[in-house]
Amino acid sequence: MAKGFGPYEQAELDATFALPSRADRENAFRVATARYREFVEFHDAMSREHPGAPSLPGLERDRRALHEQTIAIAHAAGRAGREVFGSHAGERQISASRVIPEFETITRDDLLDARLNEGDDGSGPRRKPELRTVEGVEDVPVVRDMRNGDVGIVFARRVSNRVPSYSQMASAARSKGYSRYQGPDVDMEDRGERERVRRAARLAKELGVPLLLVNDFSHNYSVDTVAIVADEASFDRIACEIRARRPEFGIRPEDMEADVVDRDWKDHLKVVESLHPETRRVYDHLYRKLHDPDYRIGDLQFVHVADGESRRGRVGRAKKDEEEDWGPSDFNKRR
C-alpha cells in the first residue's frame, strides 16, 4: 500500500509518538484524521463499485487498524476519549452522508472562534444552552460554540452582506482596494432558508439537543451557521430521526411545504424591493455571486458593464433630444 495511505507502519507510528511537542502531536493527529477519512472514502467506493470482491475483507481489517491507530495518536496528543469522535469526524461525516446525504456536517475546528482560540476546548460559557426564540419557535436550547468532540449537522448558513451604493462599489473596484462599505446590512437568504432554520429549532426543542447559532464575520459580510449539535451518544439517534421524519425536519425542497416557503420568500422580497434602485442593482450582483454557480462576473467587470449601459443610455437620450430640436440627419443616423 502506498506510503501515507492506509494503516501506519510501526516505524511511522513510533516516530509520531516520539514527537517532542504537544503542537507537533496535535498536527500529527489532524494528519491521521485526514488519512483515515481518505481511506474510508476509498473503502466505501470499492464496496459500492465491487460488492463481494475478495479484497474487501482485507480493506475492512485495514480500516479498523487505522481507526485504532488514530485513536492512539489522539491520546498521545492529549485528546480526551470523547474528543476523538468530533475531531475524528470523518467517520461520522461519512455515516451522515449515507443516512442524510443532503446535510453538511462540521466540527469545532470549522468555527472561526475555535481557530482563533485553540487553547479553549469549547466547554466555556458559550457552550451553556440558553433558551431563546428562533424563527417563532420558543424555548430552543441555543449554544454559541461546540465542544471538542461535537459534530454539527448544518441546516442553514445565513449570509448578511453590507450593500454599498453603486458609486462606492465602483470606486473600490477600480482602485482594486478593499474598503468597508457603508450601507445597509441585507440578508442574502435563498428560498427555503427560514423554514430550514425553523425545522432545526423544532428538532432541537423536541429532542432536547443544543442548536448552534454562531456568527463568523469578514470584511463586508457575516455568516450565521445554524446546526444541530450532536455528540457520540446522540449522533445516530438525531440522524435517524431526521431521516424518518423528513416531512418535519428535512431540508430538501420536496420535504418542505411550498406555501410556507413562498410566504417566507415574499416577505424577503419586500425588504429587497424597498432598497434604493441603485443599491438594489448592487444587491442583485452580490446575491448572484453568492447563490448562482454560473455567475462569473466580478465586481470590476460588473462596474464596467454598468458604466457601459449608463453611457449608452446618456448617448441615447442626447440623440433623442437633438433630433427633437433639429430633426434627423445623416450624421445622427450614423451615430
Protein backbone atom coordinates (compact mmCIF):
# COMPACT_ATOMS: atom_id res chain seq x y z
CA MET A 1 0.00 0.00 0.00
CA ALA A 2 1.30 3.48 -0.87
CA LYS A 3 3.13 5.39 1.84
CA GLY A 4 0.81 7.87 3.55
CA PHE A 5 -2.27 5.80 2.72
CA GLY A 6 -3.90 3.16 4.89
CA PRO A 7 -2.57 1.89 8.23
CA TYR A 8 0.69 3.27 9.61
CA GLU A 9 3.87 1.24 9.51
CA GLN A 10 5.21 0.61 13.02
CA ALA A 11 8.19 2.91 12.39
CA GLU A 12 5.83 5.75 11.38
CA LEU A 13 3.75 5.19 14.49
CA ASP A 14 6.80 5.15 16.78
CA ALA A 15 8.06 8.40 15.23
CA THR A 16 4.67 10.02 15.79
CA PHE A 17 4.57 9.00 19.46
CA ALA A 18 8.12 10.36 19.90
CA LEU A 19 7.26 13.87 18.67
CA PRO A 20 8.62 16.30 21.29
CA SER A 21 5.91 18.97 21.48
CA ARG A 22 2.17 18.97 22.05
CA ALA A 23 1.71 21.11 18.92
CA ASP A 24 3.56 18.53 16.80
CA ARG A 25 1.44 15.70 18.20
CA GLU A 26 -1.73 17.75 17.62
CA ASN A 27 -0.72 18.27 14.00
CA ALA A 28 0.00 14.55 13.67
CA PHE A 29 -3.50 13.85 14.91
CA ARG A 30 -5.01 16.13 12.25
CA VAL A 31 -2.95 14.31 9.61
CA ALA A 32 -4.13 10.94 10.95
CA THR A 33 -7.75 12.10 10.83
CA ALA A 34 -7.42 13.17 7.19
CA ARG A 35 -5.66 9.90 6.39
CA TYR A 36 -8.42 7.87 7.98
CA ARG A 37 -11.13 9.86 6.18
CA GLU A 38 -9.40 9.33 2.82
CA PHE A 39 -9.09 5.61 3.44
CA VAL A 40 -12.72 5.20 4.49
CA GLU A 41 -13.88 7.02 1.34
CA PHE A 42 -11.74 4.65 -0.73
CA HIS A 43 -13.11 1.66 1.23
CA ASP A 44 -16.70 2.78 0.65
CA ALA A 45 -16.13 3.44 -3.05
CA MET A 46 -14.67 -0.04 -3.51
CA SER A 47 -17.59 -1.58 -1.61
CA ARG A 48 -20.10 0.19 -3.88
CA GLU A 49 -18.30 -0.49 -7.16
CA HIS A 50 -17.11 -4.05 -6.46
CA PRO A 51 -19.50 -5.68 -3.97
CA GLY A 52 -18.32 -9.11 -2.91
CA ALA A 53 -14.74 -8.54 -4.15
CA PRO A 54 -12.17 -10.79 -2.41
CA SER A 55 -10.14 -7.73 -1.36
CA LEU A 56 -12.94 -6.19 0.75
CA PRO A 57 -12.33 -8.17 3.99
CA GLY A 58 -8.69 -7.08 3.88
CA LEU A 59 -9.71 -3.44 3.37
CA GLU A 60 -12.03 -3.66 6.36
CA ARG A 61 -9.20 -5.03 8.52
CA ASP A 62 -7.01 -2.14 7.40
CA ARG A 63 -9.78 0.34 8.20
CA ARG A 64 -10.17 -1.00 11.73
CA ALA A 65 -6.40 -0.95 12.25
CA LEU A 66 -6.14 2.66 11.06
CA HIS A 67 -9.07 3.59 13.28
CA GLU A 68 -7.31 2.22 16.36
CA GLN A 69 -4.06 3.91 15.37
CA THR A 70 -5.83 7.26 15.01
CA ILE A 71 -7.32 6.90 18.48
CA ALA A 72 -3.85 6.12 19.90
CA ILE A 73 -2.39 9.21 18.15
CA ALA A 74 -5.26 11.29 19.56
CA HIS A 75 -4.47 10.15 23.11
CA ALA A 76 -0.78 10.96 22.53
CA ALA A 77 -1.88 14.48 21.58
CA GLY A 78 -3.70 14.81 24.91
CA ARG A 79 -7.17 14.41 23.50
CA ALA A 80 -9.85 13.01 25.76
CA GLY A 81 -11.68 9.92 24.61
CA ARG A 82 -14.83 11.85 23.62
CA GLU A 83 -12.79 14.31 21.57
CA VAL A 84 -11.75 11.53 19.23
CA PHE A 85 -15.33 11.41 18.00
CA GLY A 86 -15.51 15.03 16.88
CA SER A 87 -12.00 15.67 15.62
CA HIS A 88 -12.04 12.26 14.01
CA ALA A 89 -15.36 13.21 12.44
CA GLY A 90 -14.68 11.72 9.04
CA GLU A 91 -16.30 8.50 10.19
CA ARG A 92 -19.45 10.29 11.37
CA GLN A 93 -19.49 12.59 8.35
CA ILE A 94 -19.41 9.56 6.09
CA SER A 95 -22.15 7.97 8.20
CA ALA A 96 -24.24 11.12 7.76
CA SER A 97 -23.63 11.11 4.01
CA ARG A 98 -25.27 7.69 3.88
CA VAL A 99 -28.22 8.40 6.18
CA ILE A 100 -28.92 12.11 5.49
CA PRO A 101 -26.80 12.99 2.43
CA GLU A 102 -28.40 16.42 1.97
CA PHE A 103 -26.78 17.72 5.19
CA GLU A 104 -23.31 19.18 5.66
CA THR A 105 -21.53 18.31 8.92
CA ILE A 106 -18.94 20.40 10.75
CA THR A 107 -16.64 20.08 13.76
CA ARG A 108 -15.41 22.71 16.17
CA ASP A 109 -12.29 23.17 14.05
CA ASP A 110 -14.53 24.64 11.32
CA LEU A 111 -15.61 27.55 13.53
CA LEU A 112 -13.68 30.81 13.39
CA ASP A 113 -13.74 31.34 17.17
CA ALA A 114 -12.29 27.88 17.71
CA ARG A 115 -9.46 28.53 15.28
CA LEU A 116 -8.66 31.86 16.97
CA ASN A 117 -8.73 30.34 20.47
CA GLU A 118 -7.03 26.99 20.12
CA GLY A 119 -6.41 26.70 23.86
CA ASP A 120 -10.16 26.68 24.53
CA ASP A 121 -11.88 23.30 24.36
CA GLY A 122 -15.37 24.76 23.87
CA SER A 123 -16.62 23.93 27.37
CA GLY A 124 -16.88 27.58 28.49
CA PRO A 125 -19.96 29.80 28.87
CA ARG A 126 -20.57 29.97 25.11
CA ARG A 127 -21.39 26.23 25.26
CA LYS A 128 -24.00 26.64 28.02
CA PRO A 129 -27.51 26.42 26.48
CA GLU A 130 -29.74 29.47 26.68
CA LEU A 131 -33.47 29.21 25.97
CA ARG A 132 -34.29 31.53 23.07
CA THR A 133 -36.96 32.08 20.43
CA VAL A 134 -35.72 31.15 16.96
CA GLU A 135 -37.89 31.93 13.89
CA GLY A 136 -41.01 31.86 16.05
CA VAL A 137 -40.08 28.64 17.89
CA GLU A 138 -39.93 29.33 21.63
CA ASP A 139 -37.67 27.82 24.30
CA VAL A 140 -34.99 26.48 21.98
CA PRO A 141 -31.72 25.47 23.75
CA VAL A 142 -29.18 27.63 21.89
CA VAL A 143 -25.39 27.49 22.19
CA ARG A 144 -22.70 29.67 20.59
CA ASP A 145 -19.92 27.09 20.50
CA MET A 146 -19.31 23.36 20.27
CA ARG A 147 -17.07 21.25 22.48
CA ASN A 148 -14.13 19.45 21.01
CA GLY A 149 -15.72 16.15 20.14
CA ASP A 150 -19.10 17.50 18.99
CA VAL A 151 -20.37 17.38 15.42
CA GLY A 152 -22.76 19.94 13.94
CA ILE A 153 -25.47 18.93 11.45
CA VAL A 154 -25.89 22.11 9.40
CA PHE A 155 -29.40 23.25 8.47
CA ALA A 156 -28.53 26.72 7.14
CA ARG A 157 -25.82 29.32 6.67
CA ARG A 158 -27.44 32.74 6.82
CA VAL A 159 -25.37 35.33 4.97
CA SER A 160 -25.80 39.04 5.60
CA ASN A 161 -23.98 41.41 3.23
CA ARG A 162 -23.33 45.11 3.65
CA VAL A 163 -24.67 46.53 0.39
CA PRO A 164 -22.97 49.75 -0.71
CA SER A 165 -24.12 52.35 -3.17
CA TYR A 166 -23.06 51.75 -6.75
CA SER A 167 -20.62 54.69 -6.67
CA GLN A 168 -18.80 53.32 -3.62
CA MET A 169 -18.52 49.83 -5.11
CA ALA A 170 -17.30 51.31 -8.40
CA SER A 171 -14.63 53.35 -6.60
CA ALA A 172 -13.39 50.33 -4.62
CA ALA A 173 -13.43 48.05 -7.67
CA ARG A 174 -11.50 50.46 -9.89
CA SER A 175 -8.84 51.01 -7.23
CA LYS A 176 -8.65 47.24 -6.68
CA GLY A 177 -8.54 48.00 -3.00
CA TYR A 178 -10.54 46.81 -0.04
CA SER A 179 -12.77 49.12 1.91
CA ARG A 180 -15.50 48.66 4.44
CA TYR A 181 -18.67 49.54 2.59
CA GLN A 182 -21.23 51.92 4.02
CA GLY A 183 -24.80 50.82 3.55
CA PRO A 184 -27.50 48.59 4.97
CA ASP A 185 -26.84 45.02 6.05
CA VAL A 186 -29.19 42.94 3.90
CA ASP A 187 -29.92 39.22 4.29
CA MET A 188 -28.85 37.23 1.24
CA GLU A 189 -31.27 34.44 2.05
CA ASP A 190 -32.32 31.86 -0.51
CA ARG A 191 -35.67 30.16 -0.91
CA GLY A 192 -36.45 27.85 2.00
CA GLU A 193 -33.78 29.22 4.31
CA ARG A 194 -36.16 30.48 7.01
CA GLU A 195 -38.04 27.19 7.05
CA ARG A 196 -34.78 25.23 7.37
CA VAL A 197 -33.92 27.31 10.43
CA ARG A 198 -37.39 26.72 11.87
CA ARG A 199 -37.02 22.98 11.39
CA ALA A 200 -33.66 22.97 13.14
CA ALA A 201 -35.20 24.88 16.06
CA ARG A 202 -38.15 22.48 16.33
CA LEU A 203 -35.85 19.44 16.22
CA ALA A 204 -33.55 20.85 18.91
CA LYS A 205 -36.51 21.63 21.14
CA GLU A 206 -38.20 18.25 20.64
CA LEU A 207 -35.08 16.13 21.19
CA GLY A 208 -33.60 18.38 23.87
CA VAL A 209 -30.31 18.83 22.00
CA PRO A 210 -28.40 22.10 21.50
CA LEU A 211 -28.92 24.33 18.49
CA LEU A 212 -25.72 26.06 17.41
CA LEU A 213 -26.13 29.69 16.36
CA VAL A 214 -22.68 31.12 15.73
CA ASN A 215 -21.60 34.15 13.73
CA ASP A 216 -18.44 34.44 11.64
CA PHE A 217 -17.73 37.81 10.05
CA SER A 218 -15.31 39.07 7.47
CA HIS A 219 -14.91 42.45 5.81
CA ASN A 220 -18.35 43.32 4.43
CA TYR A 221 -20.40 40.23 5.25
CA SER A 222 -21.23 37.88 8.10
CA VAL A 223 -22.39 34.26 8.20
CA ASP A 224 -24.63 32.73 10.86
CA THR A 225 -24.21 28.96 11.00
CA VAL A 226 -27.33 27.12 12.20
CA ALA A 227 -26.68 23.50 13.19
CA ILE A 228 -27.88 20.76 15.49
CA VAL A 229 -25.08 19.79 17.89
CA ALA A 230 -24.53 16.05 18.36
CA ASP A 231 -22.08 14.10 20.46
CA GLU A 232 -21.10 10.46 20.13
CA ALA A 233 -24.10 9.28 22.13
CA SER A 234 -26.73 11.31 20.25
CA PHE A 235 -25.46 11.47 16.66
CA ASP A 236 -27.05 8.29 15.30
CA ARG A 237 -30.35 9.00 17.07
CA ILE A 238 -30.57 12.51 15.60
CA ALA A 239 -29.59 11.40 12.08
CA CYS A 240 -32.12 8.57 12.10
CA GLU A 241 -34.84 10.89 13.46
CA ILE A 242 -34.27 13.32 10.59
CA ARG A 243 -34.35 10.54 8.02
CA ALA A 244 -37.54 9.01 9.43
CA ARG A 245 -39.33 12.38 9.66
CA ARG A 246 -38.17 14.28 6.61
CA PRO A 247 -41.59 15.98 6.10
CA GLU A 248 -40.98 17.63 9.50
CA PHE A 249 -37.19 18.01 9.65
CA GLY A 250 -35.82 17.50 6.13
CA ILE A 251 -34.23 20.38 4.21
CA ARG A 252 -34.72 19.22 0.62
CA PRO A 253 -37.21 21.27 -1.43
CA GLU A 254 -39.54 18.27 -1.66
CA ASP A 255 -39.55 17.94 2.16
CA MET A 256 -40.93 21.43 2.78
CA GLU A 257 -44.40 22.87 2.23
CA ALA A 258 -44.37 25.07 -0.86
CA ASP A 259 -46.83 27.63 0.54
CA VAL A 260 -44.67 28.18 3.66
CA VAL A 261 -41.53 28.63 1.55
CA ASP A 262 -43.36 31.00 -0.83
CA ARG A 263 -44.69 33.11 2.05
CA ASP A 264 -41.21 33.48 3.55
CA TRP A 265 -39.75 34.33 0.16
CA LYS A 266 -42.32 37.05 -0.49
CA ASP A 267 -41.54 38.60 2.91
CA HIS A 268 -37.86 38.68 1.98
CA LEU A 269 -38.55 40.25 -1.43
CA LYS A 270 -40.45 43.08 0.25
CA VAL A 271 -37.23 44.05 2.03
CA VAL A 272 -35.22 43.86 -1.19
CA GLU A 273 -37.77 45.89 -3.14
CA SER A 274 -37.61 48.65 -0.52
CA LEU A 275 -33.94 49.31 -1.35
CA HIS A 276 -32.95 52.32 -3.45
CA PRO A 277 -32.80 51.26 -7.15
CA GLU A 278 -29.02 51.83 -7.28
CA THR A 279 -28.49 49.76 -4.13
CA ARG A 280 -30.91 47.13 -5.40
CA ARG A 281 -28.76 46.66 -8.51
CA VAL A 282 -25.64 46.12 -6.37
CA TYR A 283 -27.62 43.71 -4.18
CA ASP A 284 -28.64 41.67 -7.23
CA HIS A 285 -24.98 41.42 -8.26
CA LEU A 286 -23.81 40.35 -4.79
CA TYR A 287 -26.69 37.90 -4.46
CA ARG A 288 -25.87 36.18 -7.75
CA LYS A 289 -22.20 35.96 -6.78
CA LEU A 290 -23.27 34.08 -3.66
CA HIS A 291 -26.03 31.82 -4.97
CA ASP A 292 -25.61 31.36 -8.74
CA PRO A 293 -22.76 28.96 -9.64
CA ASP A 294 -22.95 30.06 -13.28
CA TYR A 295 -22.45 33.75 -12.46
CA ARG A 296 -18.83 34.57 -13.21
CA ILE A 297 -18.87 38.38 -13.06
CA GLY A 298 -16.53 40.03 -10.55
CA ASP A 299 -17.02 43.46 -9.02
CA LEU A 300 -14.80 45.25 -11.55
CA GLN A 301 -16.49 43.59 -14.52
CA PHE A 302 -19.89 44.45 -13.02
CA VAL A 303 -18.83 48.10 -12.79
CA HIS A 304 -17.59 48.12 -16.41
CA VAL A 305 -20.88 46.65 -17.66
CA ALA A 306 -22.96 49.08 -15.61
CA ASP A 307 -20.85 52.05 -16.75
CA GLY A 308 -21.23 50.97 -20.38
CA GLU A 309 -25.00 50.73 -20.04
CA SER A 310 -25.07 54.15 -18.38
CA ARG A 311 -23.02 55.71 -21.19
CA ARG A 312 -25.24 54.15 -23.85
CA GLY A 313 -28.26 55.49 -22.01
CA ARG A 314 -26.78 59.03 -21.92
CA VAL A 315 -25.91 58.91 -25.65
CA GLY A 316 -29.41 57.68 -26.49
CA ARG A 317 -31.06 60.48 -24.52
CA ALA A 318 -28.79 63.12 -26.10
CA LYS A 319 -29.57 61.82 -29.59
CA LYS A 320 -33.29 61.91 -28.90
CA ASP A 321 -33.11 65.49 -27.59
CA GLU A 322 -31.06 66.62 -30.61
CA GLU A 323 -33.47 65.09 -33.11
CA GLU A 324 -36.40 66.71 -31.35
CA ASP A 325 -34.67 70.11 -31.76
CA TRP A 326 -33.13 69.74 -35.24
CA GLY A 327 -34.73 66.72 -36.85
CA PRO A 328 -32.92 63.57 -38.04
CA SER A 329 -29.75 63.93 -40.08
CA ASP A 330 -27.37 61.63 -41.90
CA PHE A 331 -24.82 62.34 -39.18
CA ASN A 332 -27.29 61.44 -36.44
CA LYS A 333 -28.27 58.29 -38.31
CA ARG A 334 -24.63 57.18 -38.39
CA ARG A 335 -24.36 57.77 -34.67
